[in-house]
Protein backbone atom coordinates (compact mmCIF):
# COMPACT_ATOMS: atom_id res chain seq x y z
CA MET A 1 20.24 9.89 -2.39
CA ILE A 2 19.15 13.35 -0.88
CA ALA A 3 16.78 11.74 1.70
CA ASP A 4 15.08 8.58 2.69
CA ALA A 5 12.22 7.71 4.99
CA SER A 6 14.13 6.59 8.09
CA GLY A 7 12.14 7.35 11.20
CA VAL A 8 9.12 8.00 8.96
CA VAL A 9 7.83 4.91 7.82
CA GLY A 10 8.65 1.15 8.57
CA ASN A 11 8.54 0.04 4.83
CA ARG A 12 10.12 0.65 1.65
CA ALA A 13 7.10 2.02 -0.24
CA PHE A 14 7.46 5.51 -1.41
CA TYR A 15 5.16 7.75 -3.40
CA PHE A 16 6.29 11.02 -4.88
CA SER A 17 4.47 14.01 -6.27
CA SER A 18 5.46 17.60 -6.80
CA GLN A 19 3.98 20.16 -4.36
CA SER A 20 2.17 21.93 -7.26
CA TYR A 21 0.54 18.68 -8.60
CA ALA A 22 -0.60 17.75 -5.06
CA ALA A 23 -1.90 21.28 -4.43
CA ASN A 24 -3.80 21.18 -7.94
CA ASN A 25 -5.05 17.68 -7.73
CA PRO A 26 -6.25 17.02 -4.18
CA ASP A 27 -8.95 14.50 -5.51
CA VAL A 28 -6.33 12.30 -7.01
CA ILE A 29 -4.28 12.41 -3.82
CA ARG A 30 -7.20 11.48 -1.84
CA ILE A 31 -8.08 8.57 -4.20
CA LEU A 32 -4.55 7.21 -4.26
CA ILE A 33 -4.46 7.26 -0.42
CA GLU A 34 -7.92 5.63 -0.35
CA GLU A 35 -6.87 2.85 -2.64
CA LEU A 36 -3.57 2.39 -0.67
CA ASP A 37 -5.55 2.08 2.34
CA LYS A 38 -7.89 -0.60 0.70
CA VAL A 39 -4.81 -2.68 -0.18
CA ASP A 40 -3.42 -2.34 3.31
CA GLN A 41 -6.74 -3.25 5.15
CA TRP A 42 -7.53 -6.22 2.74
CA GLY A 43 -3.92 -7.45 3.06
CA LYS A 44 -4.07 -7.48 6.82
CA GLN A 45 -7.37 -9.54 6.71
CA ASN A 46 -6.34 -11.83 3.99
CA LYS A 47 -2.64 -12.35 4.70
CA ASP A 48 -2.34 -15.80 2.83
CA GLN A 49 -4.06 -14.72 -0.35
CA PHE A 50 -2.17 -11.23 -0.19
CA ALA A 51 1.18 -13.08 0.05
CA SER A 52 0.08 -15.55 -2.91
CA GLU A 53 -0.81 -12.38 -5.02
CA LEU A 54 2.33 -10.57 -4.19
CA ALA A 55 4.45 -13.65 -4.78
CA GLN A 56 3.12 -14.15 -8.32
CA LEU A 57 3.44 -10.39 -8.95
CA TRP A 58 6.85 -10.17 -7.68
CA GLY A 59 8.20 -13.49 -8.99
CA LEU A 60 9.27 -14.80 -5.52
CA PRO A 61 8.48 -17.88 -3.72
CA LYS A 62 5.30 -17.73 -1.70
CA GLN A 63 7.21 -18.85 1.34
CA VAL A 64 9.36 -15.90 1.18
CA VAL A 65 6.61 -13.44 0.77
CA ASP A 66 4.67 -15.09 3.56
CA VAL A 67 7.50 -14.05 5.94
CA ALA A 68 7.44 -10.64 4.52
CA VAL A 69 3.84 -10.24 4.94
CA GLN A 70 3.83 -11.66 8.42
CA ARG A 71 6.63 -9.06 9.41
CA SER A 72 5.04 -6.24 7.54
CA SER A 73 3.69 -2.99 9.38
CA SER A 74 2.09 -0.24 7.77
CA ALA A 75 2.15 3.56 7.93
CA ARG A 76 -1.49 3.83 7.04
CA SER A 77 -2.37 4.52 10.73
CA ARG A 78 -0.39 7.84 10.23
CA LEU A 79 -2.89 9.00 7.70
CA PRO A 80 -5.79 11.17 8.56
CA ALA A 81 -9.06 9.36 9.16
CA ARG A 82 -10.78 11.30 6.40
CA PHE A 83 -8.56 9.35 3.92
CA SER A 84 -9.66 5.70 5.09
CA ALA A 85 -11.45 3.36 3.11
CA SER A 86 -12.03 -0.48 3.37
CA SER A 87 -13.00 -3.25 0.94
CA ASN A 88 -13.73 -7.17 1.22
CA ARG A 89 -12.46 -7.97 -2.39
CA SER A 90 -8.79 -8.11 -3.46
CA PRO A 91 -7.75 -4.55 -4.25
CA ILE A 92 -4.48 -5.97 -5.88
CA ARG A 93 -6.06 -7.62 -8.93
CA SER A 94 -8.14 -4.47 -9.67
CA SER A 95 -5.35 -2.23 -9.36
CA ILE A 96 -3.19 -4.20 -11.79
CA SER A 97 -5.74 -4.56 -14.18
CA ALA A 98 -6.75 -0.89 -14.12
């Protein structure tokens, strides 16, 4: 391992891109950040359903995922405001089926 996110983010979610891809596709990067923000916001407002959907997706008991969801924090607040978005429906299902 060359580097990890110690001191940068409090979770284990990493998203990688080459610098050239990010520079040549800012619209894709913006959409990705907006969709991640939707999942984050929806999950904070719907913790029980969020845990249920993650438990099914990950194949773990819901009780285990409940603890993880309650303990989780997000690095979303570090994103620039221009990338923020919100939604009232579950973005998990739409992302999985997309």
